[in-house]
Amino acid sequence: MAESLFSNLKNELIDGRSWPNRTVTRTAIFEWIESWYNLQRLHSSLGYRSPADYETVFAA
């Protein structure tokens, strides 16, 4: 799973951009992970549901 995360991060966020400093880069990566990767991306291991949907369905 880690390889998938880093591949997506590289392809969707890092490639093709220049970053002025480490702080800006770190903030962008954090926001990408927290706002998209963990909440909206469909995971095959979760039955092609987003983690937010998965937790909502199985928390009830």
C-alpha atoms as a PDB file:
ATOM      1  CA  MET A   1       0.000   0.000   0.000  1.00  0.00           C
ATOM      2  CA  ALA A   2       2.840   2.416   0.705  1.00  0.00           C
ATOM      3  CA  GLU A   3       4.071   2.127  -2.872  1.00  0.00           C
ATOM      4  CA  SER A   4       0.612   3.076  -4.116  1.00  0.00           C
ATOM      5  CA  LEU A   5       0.477   6.110  -1.833  1.00  0.00           C
ATOM      6  CA  PHE A   6       3.860   7.413  -2.948  1.00  0.00           C
ATOM      7  CA  SER A   7       3.124   6.728  -6.606  1.00  0.00           C
ATOM      8  CA  ASN A   8      -0.136   8.667  -6.435  1.00  0.00           C
ATOM      9  CA  LEU A   9       1.495  11.456  -4.470  1.00  0.00           C
ATOM     10  CA  LYS A  10       4.243  11.803  -7.030  1.00  0.00           C
ATOM     11  CA  ASN A  11       1.957  11.659 -10.056  1.00  0.00           C
ATOM     12  CA  GLU A  12      -0.866  13.844  -8.759  1.00  0.00           C
ATOM     13  CA  LEU A  13       0.900  16.427  -6.634  1.00  0.00           C
ATOM     14  CA  ILE A  14       4.671  16.562  -6.919  1.00  0.00           C
ATOM     15  CA  ASP A  15       5.527  16.069 -10.605  1.00  0.00           C
ATOM     16  CA  GLY A  16       5.596  19.145 -12.790  1.00  0.00           C
ATOM     17  CA  ARG A  17       5.618  21.681  -9.966  1.00  0.00           C
ATOM     18  CA  SER A  18       8.370  23.659  -8.374  1.00  0.00           C
ATOM     19  CA  TRP A  19       8.271  24.123  -4.631  1.00  0.00           C
ATOM     20  CA  PRO A  20       9.725  27.266  -3.034  1.00  0.00           C
ATOM     21  CA  ASN A  21      10.678  25.621   0.259  1.00  0.00           C
ATOM     22  CA  ARG A  22      10.199  22.579   2.440  1.00  0.00           C
ATOM     23  CA  THR A  23       7.423  24.118   4.541  1.00  0.00           C
ATOM     24  CA  VAL A  24       5.203  24.810   1.526  1.00  0.00           C
ATOM     25  CA  THR A  25       5.857  21.315   0.198  1.00  0.00           C
ATOM     26  CA  ARG A  26       5.108  19.686   3.533  1.00  0.00           C
ATOM     27  CA  THR A  27       1.854  21.649   3.890  1.00  0.00           C
ATOM     28  CA  ALA A  28       0.738  20.721   0.365  1.00  0.00           C
ATOM     29  CA  ILE A  29       1.451  17.036   0.974  1.00  0.00           C
ATOM     30  CA  PHE A  30      -0.414  17.092   4.290  1.00  0.00           C
ATOM     31  CA  GLU A  31      -3.432  18.777   2.713  1.00  0.00           C
ATOM     32  CA  TRP A  32      -3.421  16.336  -0.220  1.00  0.00           C
ATOM     33  CA  ILE A  33      -3.364  13.330   2.091  1.00  0.00           C
ATOM     34  CA  GLU A  34      -5.936  14.628   4.563  1.00  0.00           C
ATOM     35  CA  SER A  35      -8.371  16.214   2.116  1.00  0.00           C
ATOM     36  CA  TRP A  36      -8.278  13.830  -0.806  1.00  0.00           C
ATOM     37  CA  TYR A  37      -6.302  10.643  -0.332  1.00  0.00           C
ATOM     38  CA  ASN A  38      -7.770   9.631   3.019  1.00  0.00           C
ATOM     39  CA  LEU A  39     -11.317  10.878   2.466  1.00  0.00           C
ATOM     40  CA  GLN A  40     -12.275  10.588  -1.188  1.00  0.00           C
ATOM     41  CA  ARG A  41     -10.018   8.107  -2.968  1.00  0.00           C
ATOM     42  CA  LEU A  42     -11.597   4.725  -3.575  1.00  0.00           C
ATOM     43  CA  HIS A  43      -9.682   1.864  -1.983  1.00  0.00           C
ATOM     44  CA  SER A  44      -9.864  -1.605  -3.460  1.00  0.00           C
ATOM     45  CA  SER A  45      -9.244  -3.134  -0.027  1.00  0.00           C
ATOM     46  CA  LEU A  46     -12.402  -1.384   1.235  1.00  0.00           C
ATOM     47  CA  GLY A  47     -14.637  -2.668  -1.538  1.00  0.00           C
ATOM     48  CA  TYR A  48     -13.990   0.385  -3.706  1.00  0.00           C
ATOM     49  CA  ARG A  49     -15.310   2.770  -1.081  1.00  0.00           C
ATOM     50  CA  SER A  50     -13.623   5.837   0.294  1.00  0.00           C
ATOM     51  CA  PRO A  51     -12.347   5.505   3.861  1.00  0.00           C
ATOM     52  CA  ALA A  52     -14.945   8.053   5.005  1.00  0.00           C
ATOM     53  CA  ASP A  53     -17.778   6.030   3.433  1.00  0.00           C
ATOM     54  CA  TYR A  54     -16.380   2.784   4.809  1.00  0.00           C
ATOM     55  CA  GLU A  55     -16.236   4.142   8.349  1.00  0.00           C
ATOM     56  CA  THR A  56     -19.747   5.596   8.067  1.00  0.00           C
ATOM     57  CA  VAL A  57     -21.247   2.310   6.859  1.00  0.00           C
ATOM     58  CA  PHE A  58     -19.516   0.104   9.420  1.00  0.00           C
ATOM     59  CA  ALA A  59     -19.789   2.485  12.378  1.00  0.00           C
ATOM     60  CA  ALA A  60     -23.557   2.153  12.410  1.00  0.00           C
END
